[in-house]
Amino acid sequence: MAEPSTQLASELPSRYLPAVPYSDLPEPRRLRNYLGASVILTATALGSGELVLWPYISTQVGLGLVWLAVLGITMQYFLNMEIERYTLITGETAVTGFSRLWLPWGGIMVLGAILPNVWPGWASSAATEFTFIFDLDDSNVPLITTIFLLAIGLAVTVSPVIYQTLEKVQGVMVVLILVFVVAAIVVATKGSAWASTVTSIPQGVGGLPTSIGVVGAAALFGAIVFAGAGGGNNLVQSNYLRDKGMGMGIRIPNIVSPITGEEVAAPSLGYMTPSTPENERRWRRWWAIANQEQLITFWFIGALLLVALQVLVVSMLGVNTSLGTGLGFIHAEGRELARIVAPWFGIAFYVAGFLILLSTNIGVVDWVSRLTADSLKVTFLRDSGFWSESKIYITVVWLLIIAGSGIIWTGIKPVALLVISATGGGFVMAIYSVLLILLNRKALPDFARLKGWRLPIMVLIALFYVAFSVFLIYEMITAGPASLA
């Protein structure tokens, strides 16, 4: 790989962060070498929208809103690709790019990551599933949740190279979950439920105001946000690309454990790809690989699970508003699977749900800590020799663990915790969807710039998140916070 040039790039804004040198894009390898760059994002997505929020909505209003779930994950595909676009060309995260536009954007993204996700909805949901497996009383949920959170913190702390560990663990979990879902689809779903995912669309579109009245504006917005990863989680796709060695990310050091691995204290500023015919050729190949990897690992698997888990719950329970607002529908679904198939299959369903939620919580702790560490190290702690990205990362991990362990004892139910996280994440998406358009239109070489048919799609996506966020703010002002429940 050629050494970076000593000439500093003029394309990237350098008012708030240092200018970076030019460097040629590396030559990409085959697609199979990069499959898995989105697996952590996919695994993180499984335990909120896919397993909990969308199946819950289907038990309340039927399958007429499946189209909104598919729309949600499709919008996230395009958002993810714009996040990847900036990182492939520069090696910097999208959050660093936002800080180049205006330094406080990095701090705003940090708050937008921490505040919605300090609520331990995933861990408490996993603990609830754990009680289903062993038929325990739900009064044990706070203690089990605290144990799970501490175990996650320890596992992440002692991992030599955090990304490699997460990719392996999450990859295994995704495969196991897919195997179970396929088995459940074969033995337990009904053809009529599958057909209604299409035939119910006109009714679902026309009945959208009624559906909002049934499930609540915040729950529906949260489900759309969590149809996929959601919130600031998508921004950390930049970090996963860098750790996977894609594009200019191959030049950026990995985060390692300060206990068992070698630390790198330098901030993760990047490079700029110069406009040459050879770099343009490499870019086209990198862009094709990144799109293919994201379509396979994130969109296809995610959309399949979104639809399949809703079809499964409706096949088992139908539309049943008597199941309450908690995870009672999952408990009832497992009992019905045990009755229809075999007792062991119901237990396997609970185990699969437990693994989904646990993997999601691991991913959430990781991505919030990654985003915070990268942003703070690049900006406010750039000159610190003590605060490496790794030390910031581990510190945030344990802050999340301690705060989450305290919140769970307040008695807030898992679904409510997830709705809080998702609604906050939606506000963050409204901000960064606009920033991505500005950044990728302004700061990249012409051959890699956001333009053509993707530009109007991104504008529509930004308008969607902004409009829904404004609507929720209006609801809160006119009817009070309780109206969002």
Protein backbone atom coordinates (compact mmCIF):
# COMPACT_ATOMS: atom_id res chain seq x y z
CA MET A 1 0.00 0.00 0.00
CA ALA A 2 1.38 3.39 -1.02
CA GLU A 3 2.29 5.82 1.72
CA PRO A 4 -0.01 8.85 2.19
CA SER A 5 0.98 12.11 0.53
CA THR A 6 2.35 14.98 2.57
CA GLN A 7 0.00 17.36 0.75
CA LEU A 8 -3.08 18.25 2.80
CA ALA A 9 -6.53 17.85 1.27
CA SER A 10 -8.64 20.94 0.65
CA GLU A 11 -11.94 19.11 0.12
CA LEU A 12 -12.61 18.23 3.78
CA PRO A 13 -13.58 21.20 6.00
CA SER A 14 -10.70 21.93 8.39
CA ARG A 15 -12.03 24.85 10.43
CA TYR A 16 -12.80 22.67 13.46
CA LEU A 17 -10.59 19.61 12.89
CA PRO A 18 -7.12 19.30 11.33
CA ALA A 19 -6.73 18.90 7.60
CA VAL A 20 -5.81 15.40 6.41
CA PRO A 21 -3.35 14.15 3.77
CA TYR A 22 -4.24 12.61 0.43
CA SER A 23 -3.98 8.85 0.05
CA ASP A 24 -4.94 6.45 -2.73
CA LEU A 25 -7.74 3.98 -2.11
CA PRO A 26 -6.48 0.43 -1.56
CA GLU A 27 -7.37 -2.24 -4.09
CA PRO A 28 -10.49 -4.13 -2.94
CA ARG A 29 -10.57 -7.90 -2.61
CA ARG A 30 -13.58 -10.14 -3.30
CA LEU A 31 -16.98 -9.64 -1.67
CA ARG A 32 -16.58 -12.75 0.53
CA ASN A 33 -13.68 -11.06 2.34
CA TYR A 34 -16.01 -8.33 3.61
CA LEU A 35 -19.23 -10.22 4.31
CA GLY A 36 -19.96 -9.69 7.98
CA ALA A 37 -19.23 -5.95 8.08
CA SER A 38 -22.96 -5.43 8.75
CA VAL A 39 -23.57 -8.52 10.90
CA ILE A 40 -23.28 -6.63 14.21
CA LEU A 41 -25.74 -4.02 12.92
CA THR A 42 -28.11 -6.83 11.90
CA ALA A 43 -27.81 -8.65 15.22
CA THR A 44 -28.41 -5.41 17.11
CA ALA A 45 -31.55 -4.83 15.03
CA LEU A 46 -33.06 -8.23 15.81
CA GLY A 47 -34.01 -7.66 19.42
CA SER A 48 -36.09 -4.51 19.23
CA GLY A 49 -38.14 -3.98 16.08
CA GLU A 50 -37.99 -7.52 14.74
CA LEU A 51 -38.72 -9.53 17.90
CA VAL A 52 -40.63 -7.09 20.11
CA LEU A 53 -42.09 -3.88 18.69
CA TRP A 54 -43.38 -5.04 15.28
CA PRO A 55 -44.82 -8.37 16.51
CA TYR A 56 -46.45 -6.43 19.38
CA ILE A 57 -48.02 -4.01 16.88
CA SER A 58 -49.26 -6.94 14.77
CA THR A 59 -51.05 -8.43 17.79
CA GLN A 60 -52.82 -5.09 18.24
CA VAL A 61 -53.75 -4.10 14.65
CA GLY A 62 -52.94 -7.08 12.41
CA LEU A 63 -50.55 -7.30 9.45
CA GLY A 64 -51.74 -4.20 7.62
CA LEU A 65 -48.65 -2.23 8.70
CA VAL A 66 -46.02 -4.74 7.53
CA TRP A 67 -45.30 -2.39 4.64
CA LEU A 68 -44.19 0.26 7.13
CA ALA A 69 -41.69 -2.19 8.63
CA VAL A 70 -40.22 -2.94 5.20
CA LEU A 71 -40.18 0.79 4.41
CA GLY A 72 -38.35 1.45 7.68
CA ILE A 73 -35.53 -1.01 7.01
CA THR A 74 -35.30 0.12 3.37
CA MET A 75 -34.80 3.73 4.47
CA GLN A 76 -32.08 2.53 6.82
CA TYR A 77 -30.34 0.74 3.95
CA PHE A 78 -29.98 4.05 2.12
CA LEU A 79 -28.91 5.84 5.29
CA ASN A 80 -26.29 3.17 5.95
CA MET A 81 -24.89 3.48 2.47
CA GLU A 82 -24.41 7.24 2.86
CA ILE A 83 -22.65 6.59 6.16
CA GLU A 84 -20.45 4.04 4.37
CA ARG A 85 -19.83 6.40 1.45
CA TYR A 86 -18.06 8.93 3.65
CA THR A 87 -16.02 6.32 5.50
CA LEU A 88 -14.94 4.41 2.38
CA ILE A 89 -13.48 7.59 0.89
CA THR A 90 -11.95 9.15 4.03
CA GLY A 91 -11.53 6.42 6.66
CA GLU A 92 -13.24 8.76 9.13
CA THR A 93 -16.56 8.05 10.80
CA ALA A 94 -19.61 9.99 9.69
CA VAL A 95 -19.70 11.61 13.16
CA THR A 96 -16.18 12.95 12.61
CA GLY A 97 -17.42 14.33 9.31
CA PHE A 98 -20.29 16.08 11.11
CA SER A 99 -17.77 17.59 13.55
CA ARG A 100 -15.89 18.99 10.56
CA LEU A 101 -19.04 20.87 9.55
CA TRP A 102 -19.57 22.18 13.10
CA LEU A 103 -17.67 20.95 16.16
CA PRO A 104 -20.68 20.65 18.52
CA TRP A 105 -22.34 18.13 16.18
CA GLY A 106 -20.02 15.46 17.59
CA GLY A 107 -21.15 16.20 21.15
CA ILE A 108 -24.79 16.23 20.05
CA MET A 109 -24.37 12.79 18.46
CA VAL A 110 -22.75 11.50 21.68
CA LEU A 111 -25.73 12.69 23.71
CA GLY A 112 -28.06 11.27 21.07
CA ALA A 113 -26.37 7.91 21.51
CA ILE A 114 -26.14 7.78 25.30
CA LEU A 115 -29.43 9.32 26.46
CA PRO A 116 -31.86 7.07 24.51
CA ASN A 117 -29.84 3.91 25.13
CA VAL A 118 -29.07 4.15 28.81
CA TRP A 119 -32.58 2.69 29.26
CA PRO A 120 -32.01 -1.09 29.55
CA GLY A 121 -34.97 -2.28 27.49
CA TRP A 122 -33.04 -5.02 25.74
CA ALA A 123 -31.47 -6.46 28.89
CA SER A 124 -34.77 -6.41 30.78
CA SER A 125 -36.52 -8.04 27.81
CA ALA A 126 -33.82 -10.74 27.73
CA ALA A 127 -34.27 -11.26 31.46
CA THR A 128 -38.02 -11.59 30.95
CA GLU A 129 -37.44 -14.24 28.26
CA PHE A 130 -35.11 -15.98 30.72
CA THR A 131 -37.98 -16.23 33.21
CA PHE A 132 -40.14 -17.78 30.48
CA ILE A 133 -37.51 -20.48 29.85
CA PHE A 134 -37.30 -21.55 33.49
CA ASP A 135 -40.85 -20.59 34.50
CA LEU A 136 -39.65 -18.02 37.04
CA ASP A 137 -41.65 -15.23 38.61
CA ASP A 138 -41.23 -11.85 36.86
CA SER A 139 -40.18 -10.32 40.20
CA ASN A 140 -36.74 -11.78 39.40
CA VAL A 141 -36.35 -9.64 36.28
CA PRO A 142 -34.43 -6.70 37.88
CA LEU A 143 -31.84 -9.01 39.49
CA ILE A 144 -31.40 -11.12 36.32
CA THR A 145 -31.10 -7.95 34.22
CA THR A 146 -28.38 -6.58 36.50
CA ILE A 147 -26.43 -9.87 36.25
CA PHE A 148 -26.70 -9.82 32.44
CA LEU A 149 -25.50 -6.21 32.24
CA LEU A 150 -22.48 -6.94 34.43
CA ALA A 151 -21.64 -10.02 32.34
CA ILE A 152 -21.79 -7.95 29.13
CA GLY A 153 -19.49 -5.33 30.63
CA LEU A 154 -16.94 -7.94 31.69
CA ALA A 155 -17.02 -9.72 28.34
CA VAL A 156 -16.42 -6.51 26.38
CA THR A 157 -13.70 -5.32 28.79
CA VAL A 158 -11.49 -8.41 28.51
CA SER A 159 -11.89 -8.93 24.75
CA PRO A 160 -8.45 -8.48 23.05
CA VAL A 161 -9.90 -7.01 19.84
CA ILE A 162 -13.49 -6.00 20.48
CA TYR A 163 -14.77 -5.96 16.89
CA GLN A 164 -13.45 -9.44 16.09
CA THR A 165 -15.11 -10.88 19.20
CA LEU A 166 -18.44 -9.18 18.47
CA GLU A 167 -18.47 -10.25 14.82
CA LYS A 168 -17.90 -13.91 15.76
CA VAL A 169 -20.44 -13.98 18.60
CA GLN A 170 -23.11 -12.05 16.72
CA GLY A 171 -22.53 -14.08 13.55
CA VAL A 172 -23.16 -17.35 15.41
CA MET A 173 -26.26 -15.91 17.07
CA VAL A 174 -27.70 -14.68 13.76
CA VAL A 175 -27.20 -18.11 12.15
CA LEU A 176 -28.85 -19.92 15.09
CA ILE A 177 -31.74 -17.50 15.09
CA LEU A 178 -32.26 -17.82 11.32
CA VAL A 179 -32.30 -21.61 11.58
CA PHE A 180 -34.97 -21.48 14.26
CA VAL A 181 -37.08 -18.87 12.43
CA VAL A 182 -37.02 -20.96 9.24
CA ALA A 183 -38.12 -24.04 11.25
CA ALA A 184 -40.90 -22.05 12.93
CA ILE A 185 -42.10 -20.69 9.58
CA VAL A 186 -42.32 -24.19 8.12
CA VAL A 187 -44.18 -25.81 11.00
CA ALA A 188 -46.25 -23.00 12.50
CA THR A 189 -47.15 -20.19 10.08
CA LYS A 190 -50.34 -20.11 8.05
CA GLY A 191 -50.63 -19.37 4.35
CA SER A 192 -53.47 -16.96 5.03
CA ALA A 193 -51.19 -14.91 7.32
CA TRP A 194 -48.54 -14.70 4.62
CA ALA A 195 -51.13 -13.64 2.06
CA SER A 196 -52.48 -10.93 4.35
CA THR A 197 -49.09 -9.20 4.42
CA VAL A 198 -49.99 -8.14 0.85
CA THR A 199 -53.79 -8.10 0.84
CA SER A 200 -53.95 -6.02 4.05
CA ILE A 201 -51.77 -3.19 2.72
CA PRO A 202 -54.65 -1.02 1.39
CA GLN A 203 -56.50 -1.44 4.69
CA GLY A 204 -53.30 -0.71 6.63
CA VAL A 205 -52.63 2.48 4.67
CA GLY A 206 -56.19 3.72 4.99
CA GLY A 207 -56.40 2.75 8.63
CA LEU A 208 -53.12 4.36 9.66
CA PRO A 209 -54.76 7.03 11.87
CA THR A 210 -56.73 4.30 13.65
CA SER A 211 -53.57 2.22 14.13
CA ILE A 212 -51.79 5.22 15.63
CA GLY A 213 -54.69 5.61 18.03
CA VAL A 214 -54.41 1.95 19.08
CA VAL A 215 -50.65 1.57 19.57
CA GLY A 216 -49.65 5.20 20.12
CA ALA A 217 -47.62 7.59 17.98
CA ALA A 218 -44.38 6.97 19.87
CA ALA A 219 -44.69 3.18 19.67
CA LEU A 220 -45.33 3.29 15.92
CA PHE A 221 -42.53 5.78 15.25
CA GLY A 222 -40.25 3.73 17.48
CA ALA A 223 -41.10 0.58 15.55
CA ILE A 224 -40.27 2.30 12.24
CA VAL A 225 -37.00 3.56 13.74
CA PHE A 226 -36.19 0.04 15.02
CA ALA A 227 -37.14 -1.65 11.74
CA GLY A 228 -33.46 -2.33 11.30
CA ALA A 229 -30.86 -0.90 13.65
CA GLY A 230 -32.19 2.58 14.39
CA GLY A 231 -31.09 5.74 16.13
CA GLY A 232 -27.39 6.45 16.34
CA ASN A 233 -26.67 2.74 15.86
CA ASN A 234 -26.54 3.15 12.09
CA LEU A 235 -23.76 5.73 12.42
CA VAL A 236 -21.44 3.09 13.93
CA GLN A 237 -21.48 1.25 10.60
CA SER A 238 -18.55 3.60 9.92
CA ASN A 239 -16.61 1.97 12.76
CA TYR A 240 -17.47 -1.56 11.64
CA LEU A 241 -16.27 -0.77 8.09
CA ARG A 242 -12.97 0.52 9.44
CA ASP A 243 -12.46 -2.52 11.64
CA LYS A 244 -13.28 -4.74 8.64
CA GLY A 245 -10.62 -2.93 6.61
CA MET A 246 -12.95 -1.64 3.90
CA GLY A 247 -11.90 1.29 1.73
CA MET A 248 -9.74 3.87 3.47
CA GLY A 249 -10.75 2.29 6.77
CA ILE A 250 -7.87 -0.15 6.40
CA ARG A 251 -5.56 2.69 7.50
CA ILE A 252 -7.39 3.25 10.81
CA PRO A 253 -6.32 1.30 13.96
CA ASN A 254 -8.77 -1.03 15.72
CA ILE A 255 -10.13 -0.46 19.23
CA VAL A 256 -8.59 -2.99 21.61
CA SER A 257 -9.02 -3.80 25.27
CA PRO A 258 -6.83 -1.68 27.57
CA ILE A 259 -6.43 -4.81 29.74
CA THR A 260 -5.51 -7.47 27.20
CA GLY A 261 -4.65 -5.62 23.99
CA GLU A 262 -2.36 -2.90 22.70
CA GLU A 263 -3.81 0.60 22.83
CA VAL A 264 -3.57 3.35 20.24
CA ALA A 265 -3.95 6.85 21.69
CA ALA A 266 -3.96 8.76 18.38
CA PRO A 267 -7.31 10.21 17.25
CA SER A 268 -8.86 8.47 14.26
CA LEU A 269 -8.63 11.25 11.72
CA GLY A 270 -8.55 9.98 8.17
CA TYR A 271 -7.40 10.77 4.66
CA MET A 272 -8.81 12.09 1.41
CA THR A 273 -8.88 10.09 -1.79
CA PRO A 274 -7.49 12.17 -4.66
CA SER A 275 -9.43 12.41 -7.93
CA THR A 276 -7.54 10.13 -10.32
CA PRO A 277 -8.83 7.61 -12.88
CA GLU A 278 -7.34 4.74 -10.85
CA ASN A 279 -9.00 5.86 -7.61
CA GLU A 280 -12.30 6.31 -9.44
CA ARG A 281 -12.05 2.73 -10.75
CA ARG A 282 -11.31 1.40 -7.27
CA TRP A 283 -14.14 3.48 -5.83
CA ARG A 284 -16.69 1.96 -8.20
CA ARG A 285 -15.59 -1.50 -7.11
CA TRP A 286 -15.64 -0.59 -3.40
CA TRP A 287 -19.10 0.98 -3.77
CA ALA A 288 -20.45 -2.14 -5.49
CA ILE A 289 -19.01 -4.43 -2.79
CA ALA A 290 -20.35 -2.25 0.05
CA ASN A 291 -23.84 -2.16 -1.48
CA GLN A 292 -23.89 -5.91 -2.05
CA GLU A 293 -22.68 -6.65 1.48
CA GLN A 294 -25.25 -4.31 3.02
CA LEU A 295 -28.09 -5.71 0.89
CA ILE A 296 -27.29 -9.30 1.83
CA THR A 297 -26.27 -9.00 5.48
CA PHE A 298 -28.51 -6.14 6.62
CA TRP A 299 -31.49 -5.55 4.32
CA PHE A 300 -32.38 -9.04 3.10
CA ILE A 301 -31.92 -10.85 6.43
CA GLY A 302 -33.51 -7.99 8.35
CA ALA A 303 -36.56 -7.65 6.07
CA LEU A 304 -37.06 -11.43 6.07
CA LEU A 305 -37.06 -11.56 9.87
CA LEU A 306 -39.27 -8.46 10.19
CA VAL A 307 -41.99 -10.01 8.05
CA ALA A 308 -41.58 -13.62 9.23
CA LEU A 309 -41.79 -12.85 12.96
CA GLN A 310 -44.96 -10.80 12.43
CA VAL A 311 -46.52 -13.58 10.36
CA LEU A 312 -45.55 -16.08 13.06
CA VAL A 313 -47.16 -14.16 15.92
CA VAL A 314 -50.39 -13.56 13.98
CA SER A 315 -50.49 -17.23 12.94
CA MET A 316 -50.22 -18.20 16.61
CA LEU A 317 -52.32 -15.54 18.34
CA GLY A 318 -54.24 -13.57 15.73
CA VAL A 319 -55.14 -9.99 16.62
CA ASN A 320 -55.47 -10.05 20.40
CA THR A 321 -55.49 -6.78 22.31
CA SER A 322 -56.06 -8.59 25.62
CA LEU A 323 -52.37 -9.57 25.82
CA GLY A 324 -51.45 -6.24 27.41
CA THR A 325 -48.60 -3.84 26.65
CA GLY A 326 -45.72 -5.96 27.96
CA LEU A 327 -44.08 -9.12 26.67
CA GLY A 328 -47.13 -11.24 27.43
CA PHE A 329 -47.62 -11.83 23.71
CA ILE A 330 -44.19 -13.54 23.52
CA HIS A 331 -45.09 -15.75 26.48
CA ALA A 332 -48.41 -16.66 24.86
CA GLU A 333 -46.72 -17.27 21.50
CA GLY A 334 -44.29 -19.74 23.08
CA ARG A 335 -47.12 -21.61 24.82
CA GLU A 336 -49.01 -21.88 21.54
CA LEU A 337 -45.92 -23.20 19.72
CA ALA A 338 -45.48 -25.76 22.49
CA ARG A 339 -49.09 -26.85 22.03
CA ILE A 340 -49.02 -27.02 18.24
CA VAL A 341 -45.53 -28.51 17.70
CA ALA A 342 -44.02 -29.91 20.90
CA PRO A 343 -43.15 -28.66 24.41
CA TRP A 344 -39.47 -28.44 23.53
CA PHE A 345 -40.26 -26.16 20.58
CA GLY A 346 -41.88 -23.59 22.87
CA ILE A 347 -38.78 -23.61 25.06
CA ALA A 348 -36.60 -23.28 21.94
CA PHE A 349 -38.62 -20.22 20.95
CA TYR A 350 -37.91 -18.59 24.31
CA VAL A 351 -34.21 -19.49 24.05
CA ALA A 352 -34.03 -17.97 20.54
CA GLY A 353 -35.71 -14.81 21.80
CA PHE A 354 -33.35 -14.65 24.75
CA LEU A 355 -30.33 -14.95 22.42
CA ILE A 356 -31.72 -12.27 20.10
CA LEU A 357 -32.23 -9.81 22.94
CA LEU A 358 -28.90 -10.56 24.58
CA SER A 359 -27.03 -10.11 21.30
CA THR A 360 -28.89 -6.84 20.76
CA ASN A 361 -27.86 -5.55 24.19
CA ILE A 362 -24.22 -6.47 23.52
CA GLY A 363 -24.42 -4.57 20.25
CA VAL A 364 -26.04 -1.52 21.86
CA VAL A 365 -23.41 -1.28 24.60
CA ASP A 366 -20.71 -1.61 21.94
CA TRP A 367 -22.01 0.91 19.44
CA VAL A 368 -22.84 3.63 21.98
CA SER A 369 -19.35 3.29 23.47
CA ARG A 370 -17.71 3.24 20.02
CA LEU A 371 -19.48 6.36 18.82
CA THR A 372 -18.72 8.22 22.04
CA ALA A 373 -15.07 7.15 22.12
CA ASP A 374 -14.42 8.05 18.50
CA SER A 375 -16.15 11.41 18.68
CA LEU A 376 -14.56 12.54 21.96
CA LYS A 377 -11.08 11.39 20.95
CA VAL A 378 -11.23 13.15 17.62
CA THR A 379 -12.52 16.40 19.12
CA PHE A 380 -12.26 17.38 22.79
CA LEU A 381 -9.67 14.75 23.84
CA ARG A 382 -7.59 14.80 20.65
CA ASP A 383 -4.42 15.99 22.39
CA SER A 384 -4.70 13.75 25.44
CA GLY A 385 -1.99 11.13 25.80
CA PHE A 386 -3.91 9.33 28.53
CA TRP A 387 -7.42 9.16 27.11
CA SER A 388 -7.04 6.76 24.20
CA GLU A 389 -10.10 5.73 22.22
CA SER A 390 -9.96 2.36 24.00
CA LYS A 391 -10.04 3.88 27.50
CA ILE A 392 -12.95 6.14 26.62
CA TYR A 393 -14.75 3.14 25.14
CA ILE A 394 -14.41 1.01 28.28
CA THR A 395 -15.37 3.94 30.54
CA VAL A 396 -18.61 4.48 28.60
CA VAL A 397 -19.34 0.74 28.68
CA TRP A 398 -19.29 0.73 32.47
CA LEU A 399 -21.24 3.98 32.76
CA LEU A 400 -24.00 2.38 30.67
CA ILE A 401 -23.88 -0.81 32.75
CA ILE A 402 -24.07 1.03 36.09
CA ALA A 403 -26.81 3.45 34.98
CA GLY A 404 -28.86 0.69 33.35
CA SER A 405 -28.56 -1.48 36.45
CA GLY A 406 -30.00 1.38 38.50
CA ILE A 407 -32.85 2.22 36.10
CA ILE A 408 -34.12 -1.37 35.93
CA TRP A 409 -34.99 -1.31 39.64
CA THR A 410 -37.48 1.53 39.04
CA GLY A 411 -39.97 -1.00 37.67
CA ILE A 412 -40.40 0.44 34.15
CA LYS A 413 -41.55 -2.36 31.83
CA PRO A 414 -39.35 -3.62 28.92
CA VAL A 415 -41.61 -2.44 26.07
CA ALA A 416 -41.82 1.06 27.60
CA LEU A 417 -38.03 1.15 27.87
CA LEU A 418 -37.70 0.16 24.20
CA VAL A 419 -40.20 2.82 23.11
CA ILE A 420 -38.22 5.48 25.02
CA SER A 421 -35.00 4.36 23.30
CA ALA A 422 -36.60 4.21 19.87
CA THR A 423 -38.32 7.60 20.10
CA GLY A 424 -35.08 9.29 21.17
CA GLY A 425 -33.27 7.49 18.36
CA GLY A 426 -35.80 8.82 15.86
CA PHE A 427 -34.96 12.41 16.78
CA VAL A 428 -31.27 11.63 16.24
CA MET A 429 -32.01 10.13 12.81
CA ALA A 430 -33.90 13.28 11.82
CA ILE A 431 -30.74 15.29 12.50
CA TYR A 432 -28.12 13.07 10.92
CA SER A 433 -30.15 12.24 7.80
CA VAL A 434 -29.93 15.95 6.92
CA LEU A 435 -26.25 16.16 7.91
CA LEU A 436 -25.38 13.18 5.69
CA ILE A 437 -26.82 14.98 2.67
CA LEU A 438 -24.81 18.11 3.42
CA LEU A 439 -21.59 16.20 4.14
CA ASN A 440 -21.66 13.88 1.14
CA ARG A 441 -22.64 16.68 -1.23
CA LYS A 442 -19.94 19.05 0.02
CA ALA A 443 -16.88 17.19 1.27
CA LEU A 444 -16.20 14.33 -1.16
CA PRO A 445 -14.53 14.17 -4.57
CA ASP A 446 -16.94 14.51 -7.48
CA PHE A 447 -16.79 10.84 -8.52
CA ALA A 448 -17.91 9.70 -5.04
CA ARG A 449 -20.35 12.50 -4.21
CA LEU A 450 -24.03 11.93 -3.35
CA LYS A 451 -25.95 12.70 -6.54
CA GLY A 452 -28.21 11.13 -9.15
CA TRP A 453 -31.25 9.09 -8.09
CA ARG A 454 -29.98 8.57 -4.53
CA LEU A 455 -30.15 12.29 -3.73
CA PRO A 456 -33.97 12.66 -3.95
CA ILE A 457 -34.37 9.40 -2.01
CA MET A 458 -32.20 10.76 0.79
CA VAL A 459 -34.16 14.04 0.79
CA LEU A 460 -37.45 12.11 1.16
CA ILE A 461 -35.97 10.00 3.98
CA ALA A 462 -34.79 13.11 5.82
CA LEU A 463 -38.22 14.72 5.39
CA PHE A 464 -39.90 11.60 6.81
CA TYR A 465 -37.84 11.53 10.01
CA VAL A 466 -38.04 15.29 10.48
CA ALA A 467 -41.82 15.34 9.93
CA PHE A 468 -42.45 12.47 12.36
CA SER A 469 -40.19 14.09 14.98
CA VAL A 470 -42.04 17.40 14.65
CA PHE A 471 -45.35 15.54 14.99
CA LEU A 472 -44.21 13.85 18.21
CA ILE A 473 -43.01 17.15 19.64
CA TYR A 474 -46.41 18.69 18.78
CA GLU A 475 -48.17 15.75 20.48
CA MET A 476 -46.05 16.20 23.59
CA ILE A 477 -46.71 19.95 23.77
CA THR A 478 -50.47 19.78 23.16
CA ALA A 479 -51.38 16.57 25.02
CA GLY A 480 -48.47 15.97 27.38
CA PRO A 481 -45.82 13.22 27.47
CA ALA A 482 -48.39 10.57 28.42
CA SER A 483 -49.96 10.91 24.94
CA LEU A 484 -46.87 9.32 23.41
CA ALA A 485 -47.30 6.07 25.30
